[in-house]
C-alpha cells in the first residue's frame, strides 16, 4: 500500500529545472531517513540523493552540484530540486523512506513520477 506520494515530474528541455516533492505520513517521515531513487529503462534502480533526519546529505556522483535534496519536518515532505537537467537524467523517480526500529528496517516507496529531459 503506497503511503508516499510524489509530485512534480514532467517533460523539460536539457538545461532546465524541475522540482519533485514527496509527502509522507508522519509515522513514516518523522525521525527517519528519506531519499530519492530513479530507474531508467533497462537499468537498475539507483540512489539519487538521501537525507537523514539529522546529518549530512548524500548524492550520486552524477547529480552532485545539480540536484539538492531537502526536508520539511513540519510538513512531512522531502523535495528534490533538479537543475541543469540532462537527457541522461530521464527516468522514473521514486521517493523512499527507511523506517528503522530495534527490530530492523523497513523500506517504503512511492508510486514513482516520470521525468523526461528532451528537446
N, C-alpha and C. Protein backbone atom coordinates (compact mmCIF):
# COMPACT_ATOMS: atom_id res chain seq x y z
N UNK A 1 0.85 -1.19 0.00
CA UNK A 1 0.00 0.00 0.00
C UNK A 1 0.88 1.24 0.00
N UNK A 2 0.71 2.05 -1.05
CA UNK A 2 1.54 3.23 -1.22
C UNK A 2 1.19 4.27 -0.18
N UNK A 3 2.20 4.74 0.54
CA UNK A 3 1.96 5.79 1.52
C UNK A 3 2.78 7.03 1.23
N UNK A 4 3.71 6.95 0.29
CA UNK A 4 4.50 8.10 -0.12
C UNK A 4 3.93 8.59 -1.45
N UNK A 5 3.66 9.86 -1.56
CA UNK A 5 3.03 10.41 -2.75
C UNK A 5 3.95 11.47 -3.37
N UNK A 6 4.42 11.15 -4.60
CA UNK A 6 5.31 12.08 -5.30
C UNK A 6 4.52 12.99 -6.23
N UNK A 7 5.11 14.13 -6.52
CA UNK A 7 4.54 15.05 -7.50
C UNK A 7 5.67 15.88 -8.10
N UNK A 8 5.42 16.46 -9.27
CA UNK A 8 6.36 17.40 -9.85
C UNK A 8 7.12 16.92 -11.07
N UNK A 9 6.92 15.69 -11.48
CA UNK A 9 7.61 15.21 -12.67
C UNK A 9 7.05 15.85 -13.93
N UNK A 10 7.70 15.56 -15.07
CA UNK A 10 7.22 16.09 -16.32
C UNK A 10 8.30 16.10 -17.38
N UNK A 11 8.02 16.84 -18.43
CA UNK A 11 8.94 16.97 -19.57
C UNK A 11 9.65 18.32 -19.49
N UNK A 12 10.96 18.30 -19.64
CA UNK A 12 11.74 19.53 -19.58
C UNK A 12 12.86 19.45 -20.60
N UNK A 13 13.27 20.58 -21.10
CA UNK A 13 14.37 20.62 -22.06
C UNK A 13 15.71 20.51 -21.32
N UNK A 14 16.72 20.02 -22.01
CA UNK A 14 18.06 19.98 -21.40
C UNK A 14 18.48 21.37 -20.89
N UNK A 15 19.06 21.37 -19.69
CA UNK A 15 19.43 22.63 -19.05
C UNK A 15 18.35 23.21 -18.17
N UNK A 16 17.16 22.64 -18.24
CA UNK A 16 16.05 23.14 -17.45
C UNK A 16 16.03 22.60 -16.03
N UNK A 17 14.97 22.94 -15.31
CA UNK A 17 14.84 22.56 -13.91
C UNK A 17 13.47 21.95 -13.64
N UNK A 18 13.46 21.07 -12.65
CA UNK A 18 12.22 20.51 -12.13
C UNK A 18 12.36 20.37 -10.63
N UNK A 19 11.22 20.37 -9.97
CA UNK A 19 11.21 20.22 -8.52
C UNK A 19 10.24 19.08 -8.18
N UNK A 20 10.77 18.04 -7.56
CA UNK A 20 9.95 16.91 -7.13
C UNK A 20 9.65 17.03 -5.65
N UNK A 21 8.44 16.68 -5.28
CA UNK A 21 8.05 16.67 -3.87
C UNK A 21 7.46 15.33 -3.50
N UNK A 22 7.63 14.98 -2.24
CA UNK A 22 7.11 13.72 -1.72
C UNK A 22 6.48 13.99 -0.36
N UNK A 23 5.23 13.60 -0.22
CA UNK A 23 4.53 13.74 1.05
C UNK A 23 4.41 12.37 1.69
N UNK A 24 4.70 12.32 2.99
CA UNK A 24 4.67 11.06 3.71
C UNK A 24 3.87 11.22 5.00
N UNK A 25 3.30 10.11 5.48
CA UNK A 25 2.65 10.17 6.79
C UNK A 25 3.70 10.45 7.87
N UNK A 26 3.28 11.13 8.91
CA UNK A 26 4.20 11.47 9.99
C UNK A 26 4.86 10.22 10.58
N UNK A 27 4.10 9.12 10.62
CA UNK A 27 4.62 7.89 11.21
C UNK A 27 5.80 7.34 10.42
N UNK A 28 5.85 7.63 9.13
CA UNK A 28 6.96 7.19 8.29
C UNK A 28 8.06 8.24 8.23
N UNK A 29 7.67 9.49 8.13
CA UNK A 29 8.63 10.57 7.90
C UNK A 29 9.45 10.91 9.14
N UNK A 30 8.78 11.03 10.25
CA UNK A 30 9.40 11.58 11.45
C UNK A 30 10.58 10.74 11.95
N UNK A 31 11.74 11.38 12.02
CA UNK A 31 12.91 10.73 12.58
C UNK A 31 13.61 9.74 11.67
N UNK A 32 13.15 9.61 10.44
CA UNK A 32 13.72 8.60 9.53
C UNK A 32 14.38 9.23 8.32
N UNK A 33 15.29 8.49 7.74
CA UNK A 33 15.96 8.93 6.52
C UNK A 33 15.00 8.87 5.34
N UNK A 34 15.10 9.87 4.47
CA UNK A 34 14.29 9.93 3.26
C UNK A 34 15.23 10.05 2.06
N UNK A 35 14.74 9.65 0.91
CA UNK A 35 15.61 9.74 -0.26
C UNK A 35 14.84 9.68 -1.56
N UNK A 36 15.58 9.87 -2.63
CA UNK A 36 15.04 9.75 -3.99
C UNK A 36 15.91 8.76 -4.76
N UNK A 37 15.24 7.85 -5.43
CA UNK A 37 15.88 6.91 -6.34
C UNK A 37 15.32 7.15 -7.73
N UNK A 38 16.00 6.60 -8.71
CA UNK A 38 15.47 6.67 -10.07
C UNK A 38 15.79 5.39 -10.82
N UNK A 39 14.96 5.11 -11.81
CA UNK A 39 15.16 3.93 -12.64
C UNK A 39 14.87 4.29 -14.09
N UNK A 40 15.90 4.18 -14.90
CA UNK A 40 15.77 4.40 -16.34
C UNK A 40 15.45 3.07 -17.02
N UNK A 41 14.85 3.11 -18.21
CA UNK A 41 14.52 1.86 -18.92
C UNK A 41 15.73 0.98 -19.11
N UNK A 42 15.60 -0.28 -18.73
CA UNK A 42 16.69 -1.24 -18.91
C UNK A 42 17.80 -1.14 -17.89
N UNK A 43 17.63 -0.28 -16.89
CA UNK A 43 18.67 -0.10 -15.88
C UNK A 43 18.13 -0.40 -14.50
N UNK A 44 19.05 -0.62 -13.56
CA UNK A 44 18.65 -0.87 -12.19
C UNK A 44 18.28 0.44 -11.50
N UNK A 45 17.46 0.31 -10.49
CA UNK A 45 17.12 1.47 -9.69
C UNK A 45 18.37 1.93 -8.93
N UNK A 46 18.59 3.24 -8.92
CA UNK A 46 19.79 3.78 -8.28
C UNK A 46 19.44 4.92 -7.34
N UNK A 47 20.26 5.07 -6.31
CA UNK A 47 20.09 6.17 -5.38
C UNK A 47 20.49 7.48 -6.05
N UNK A 48 19.64 8.49 -5.92
CA UNK A 48 19.95 9.82 -6.43
C UNK A 48 20.43 10.71 -5.29
N UNK A 49 19.66 10.76 -4.22
CA UNK A 49 20.01 11.61 -3.08
C UNK A 49 19.30 11.09 -1.85
N UNK A 50 19.93 11.29 -0.70
CA UNK A 50 19.35 10.86 0.56
C UNK A 50 19.59 11.93 1.62
N UNK A 51 18.65 12.01 2.56
CA UNK A 51 18.79 12.98 3.64
C UNK A 51 18.32 12.32 4.93
N UNK A 52 19.19 12.26 5.93
CA UNK A 52 18.79 11.67 7.20
C UNK A 52 17.95 12.67 7.99
N UNK A 53 17.45 12.22 9.13
CA UNK A 53 16.70 13.14 9.97
C UNK A 53 17.61 14.26 10.46
N UNK A 54 18.85 13.90 10.72
CA UNK A 54 19.87 14.89 11.09
C UNK A 54 21.19 14.43 10.53
N UNK A 55 21.98 15.36 10.01
CA UNK A 55 23.27 14.99 9.45
C UNK A 55 23.39 15.38 8.00
N UNK A 56 24.40 14.84 7.37
CA UNK A 56 24.75 15.25 6.01
C UNK A 56 23.92 14.54 4.95
N UNK A 57 23.68 15.23 3.88
CA UNK A 57 23.01 14.65 2.72
C UNK A 57 24.01 13.84 1.91
N UNK A 58 23.46 12.99 1.04
CA UNK A 58 24.29 12.12 0.21
C UNK A 58 23.76 12.17 -1.21
N UNK A 59 24.66 12.30 -2.19
CA UNK A 59 24.25 12.40 -3.58
C UNK A 59 25.03 11.43 -4.46
N UNK A 60 24.38 10.96 -5.50
CA UNK A 60 25.08 10.21 -6.53
C UNK A 60 26.06 11.16 -7.21
N UNK A 61 27.21 10.65 -7.61
CA UNK A 61 28.21 11.49 -8.26
C UNK A 61 27.64 12.19 -9.49
N UNK A 62 26.75 11.53 -10.18
CA UNK A 62 26.23 12.06 -11.44
C UNK A 62 25.34 13.28 -11.25
N UNK A 63 24.88 13.54 -10.03
CA UNK A 63 23.97 14.66 -9.80
C UNK A 63 24.55 15.72 -8.87
N UNK A 64 25.73 15.46 -8.32
CA UNK A 64 26.34 16.43 -7.40
C UNK A 64 26.52 17.78 -8.08
N UNK A 65 26.13 18.83 -7.35
CA UNK A 65 26.24 20.18 -7.89
C UNK A 65 25.05 20.61 -8.71
N UNK A 66 24.18 19.66 -9.05
CA UNK A 66 23.00 19.99 -9.86
C UNK A 66 21.69 19.77 -9.10
N UNK A 67 21.66 18.75 -8.26
CA UNK A 67 20.45 18.40 -7.51
C UNK A 67 20.63 18.75 -6.04
N UNK A 68 19.52 19.13 -5.40
CA UNK A 68 19.54 19.43 -3.98
C UNK A 68 18.33 18.77 -3.32
N UNK A 69 18.60 17.98 -2.28
CA UNK A 69 17.53 17.36 -1.52
C UNK A 69 17.34 18.12 -0.22
N UNK A 70 16.09 18.27 0.18
CA UNK A 70 15.79 18.95 1.44
C UNK A 70 14.54 18.34 2.05
N UNK A 71 14.35 18.58 3.33
CA UNK A 71 13.16 18.05 4.01
C UNK A 71 12.54 19.14 4.87
N UNK A 72 11.22 19.07 4.98
CA UNK A 72 10.47 19.98 5.83
C UNK A 72 9.82 19.13 6.90
N UNK A 73 10.42 19.13 8.08
CA UNK A 73 9.94 18.26 9.15
C UNK A 73 8.58 18.70 9.70
N UNK A 74 8.19 19.93 9.45
CA UNK A 74 6.88 20.40 9.90
C UNK A 74 5.77 19.94 8.97
N UNK A 75 6.11 19.76 7.68
CA UNK A 75 5.10 19.37 6.69
C UNK A 75 5.24 17.91 6.27
N UNK A 76 6.25 17.22 6.81
CA UNK A 76 6.48 15.81 6.46
C UNK A 76 6.67 15.63 4.96
N UNK A 77 7.48 16.49 4.38
CA UNK A 77 7.75 16.41 2.95
C UNK A 77 9.25 16.43 2.67
N UNK A 78 9.62 15.81 1.59
CA UNK A 78 11.00 15.84 1.11
C UNK A 78 10.96 16.30 -0.34
N UNK A 79 11.91 17.14 -0.70
CA UNK A 79 11.92 17.77 -2.01
C UNK A 79 13.25 17.53 -2.71
N UNK A 80 13.19 17.35 -4.01
CA UNK A 80 14.40 17.22 -4.82
C UNK A 80 14.37 18.32 -5.88
N UNK A 81 15.23 19.29 -5.73
CA UNK A 81 15.37 20.35 -6.72
C UNK A 81 16.41 19.92 -7.73
N UNK A 82 16.01 19.85 -9.00
CA UNK A 82 16.88 19.36 -10.06
C UNK A 82 17.14 20.48 -11.05
N UNK A 83 18.39 20.89 -11.15
CA UNK A 83 18.79 21.95 -12.07
C UNK A 83 19.75 21.39 -13.12
N UNK A 84 19.93 22.14 -14.17
CA UNK A 84 20.85 21.76 -15.26
C UNK A 84 20.60 20.33 -15.71
N UNK A 85 19.35 20.02 -15.94
CA UNK A 85 18.98 18.64 -16.27
C UNK A 85 19.56 18.21 -17.61
N UNK A 86 19.90 16.92 -17.66
CA UNK A 86 20.50 16.32 -18.84
C UNK A 86 19.61 15.19 -19.35
N UNK A 87 19.71 14.84 -20.61
CA UNK A 87 18.90 13.73 -21.12
C UNK A 87 19.10 12.44 -20.31
N UNK A 88 20.31 12.23 -19.81
CA UNK A 88 20.57 11.01 -19.02
C UNK A 88 19.90 11.03 -17.65
N UNK A 89 19.28 12.13 -17.27
CA UNK A 89 18.51 12.18 -16.03
C UNK A 89 17.09 11.63 -16.25
N UNK A 90 16.75 11.33 -17.47
CA UNK A 90 15.43 10.78 -17.77
C UNK A 90 15.23 9.45 -17.08
N UNK A 91 14.17 9.34 -16.30
CA UNK A 91 13.91 8.13 -15.52
C UNK A 91 12.59 8.32 -14.76
N UNK A 92 12.15 7.22 -14.17
CA UNK A 92 11.07 7.32 -13.17
C UNK A 92 11.74 7.54 -11.82
N UNK A 93 11.32 8.57 -11.13
CA UNK A 93 11.90 8.92 -9.84
C UNK A 93 10.96 8.46 -8.71
N UNK A 94 11.57 7.81 -7.72
CA UNK A 94 10.81 7.24 -6.62
C UNK A 94 11.25 7.86 -5.30
N UNK A 95 10.28 8.21 -4.49
CA UNK A 95 10.55 8.65 -3.13
C UNK A 95 10.72 7.40 -2.25
N UNK A 96 11.63 7.47 -1.32
CA UNK A 96 11.93 6.32 -0.48
C UNK A 96 12.07 6.76 0.98
N UNK A 97 11.58 5.91 1.86
CA UNK A 97 11.77 6.12 3.29
C UNK A 97 12.30 4.83 3.90
N UNK A 98 13.24 4.98 4.81
CA UNK A 98 13.79 3.84 5.54
C UNK A 98 13.39 4.00 7.00
N UNK A 99 12.51 3.13 7.46
CA UNK A 99 11.99 3.23 8.82
C UNK A 99 12.61 2.13 9.66
N UNK A 100 13.38 2.55 10.64
CA UNK A 100 14.14 1.59 11.44
C UNK A 100 13.69 1.59 12.90
N UNK A 101 13.71 0.43 13.48
CA UNK A 101 13.44 0.27 14.90
C UNK A 101 14.44 -0.75 15.43
N UNK A 102 14.27 -1.11 16.67
CA UNK A 102 15.19 -2.11 17.24
C UNK A 102 14.98 -3.48 16.61
N UNK A 103 13.88 -3.64 15.87
CA UNK A 103 13.58 -4.91 15.24
C UNK A 103 14.09 -4.99 13.80
N UNK A 104 14.62 -3.89 13.28
CA UNK A 104 15.10 -3.87 11.91
C UNK A 104 14.56 -2.68 11.14
N UNK A 105 14.81 -2.67 9.84
CA UNK A 105 14.40 -1.56 9.00
C UNK A 105 13.43 -2.02 7.92
N UNK A 106 12.50 -1.15 7.59
CA UNK A 106 11.55 -1.41 6.52
C UNK A 106 11.64 -0.30 5.49
N UNK A 107 11.50 -0.67 4.22
CA UNK A 107 11.54 0.29 3.13
C UNK A 107 10.13 0.62 2.65
N UNK A 108 9.91 1.91 2.40
CA UNK A 108 8.65 2.38 1.84
C UNK A 108 8.96 3.15 0.56
N UNK A 109 8.08 2.94 -0.45
CA UNK A 109 8.29 3.55 -1.77
C UNK A 109 7.04 4.27 -2.23
N UNK A 110 7.26 5.32 -2.98
CA UNK A 110 6.16 5.96 -3.66
C UNK A 110 5.87 5.26 -4.98
N UNK A 111 4.87 5.75 -5.69
CA UNK A 111 4.45 5.11 -6.94
C UNK A 111 5.33 5.51 -8.11
N UNK A 112 6.15 6.53 -7.95
CA UNK A 112 7.05 6.98 -9.00
C UNK A 112 6.47 8.12 -9.82
N UNK A 113 7.35 8.99 -10.27
CA UNK A 113 6.94 10.08 -11.15
C UNK A 113 7.94 10.18 -12.30
N UNK A 114 7.42 10.31 -13.51
CA UNK A 114 8.28 10.31 -14.70
C UNK A 114 8.93 11.67 -14.90
N UNK A 115 10.23 11.64 -15.12
CA UNK A 115 10.99 12.83 -15.50
C UNK A 115 11.61 12.55 -16.86
N UNK A 116 11.29 13.39 -17.82
CA UNK A 116 11.82 13.24 -19.18
C UNK A 116 12.55 14.52 -19.57
N UNK A 117 13.81 14.37 -19.93
CA UNK A 117 14.63 15.51 -20.35
C UNK A 117 14.92 15.34 -21.83
N UNK A 118 14.31 16.19 -22.62
CA UNK A 118 14.43 16.04 -24.07
C UNK A 118 14.12 17.36 -24.76
N UNK A 119 14.78 17.57 -25.88
CA UNK A 119 14.49 18.77 -26.68
C UNK A 119 13.47 18.45 -27.76
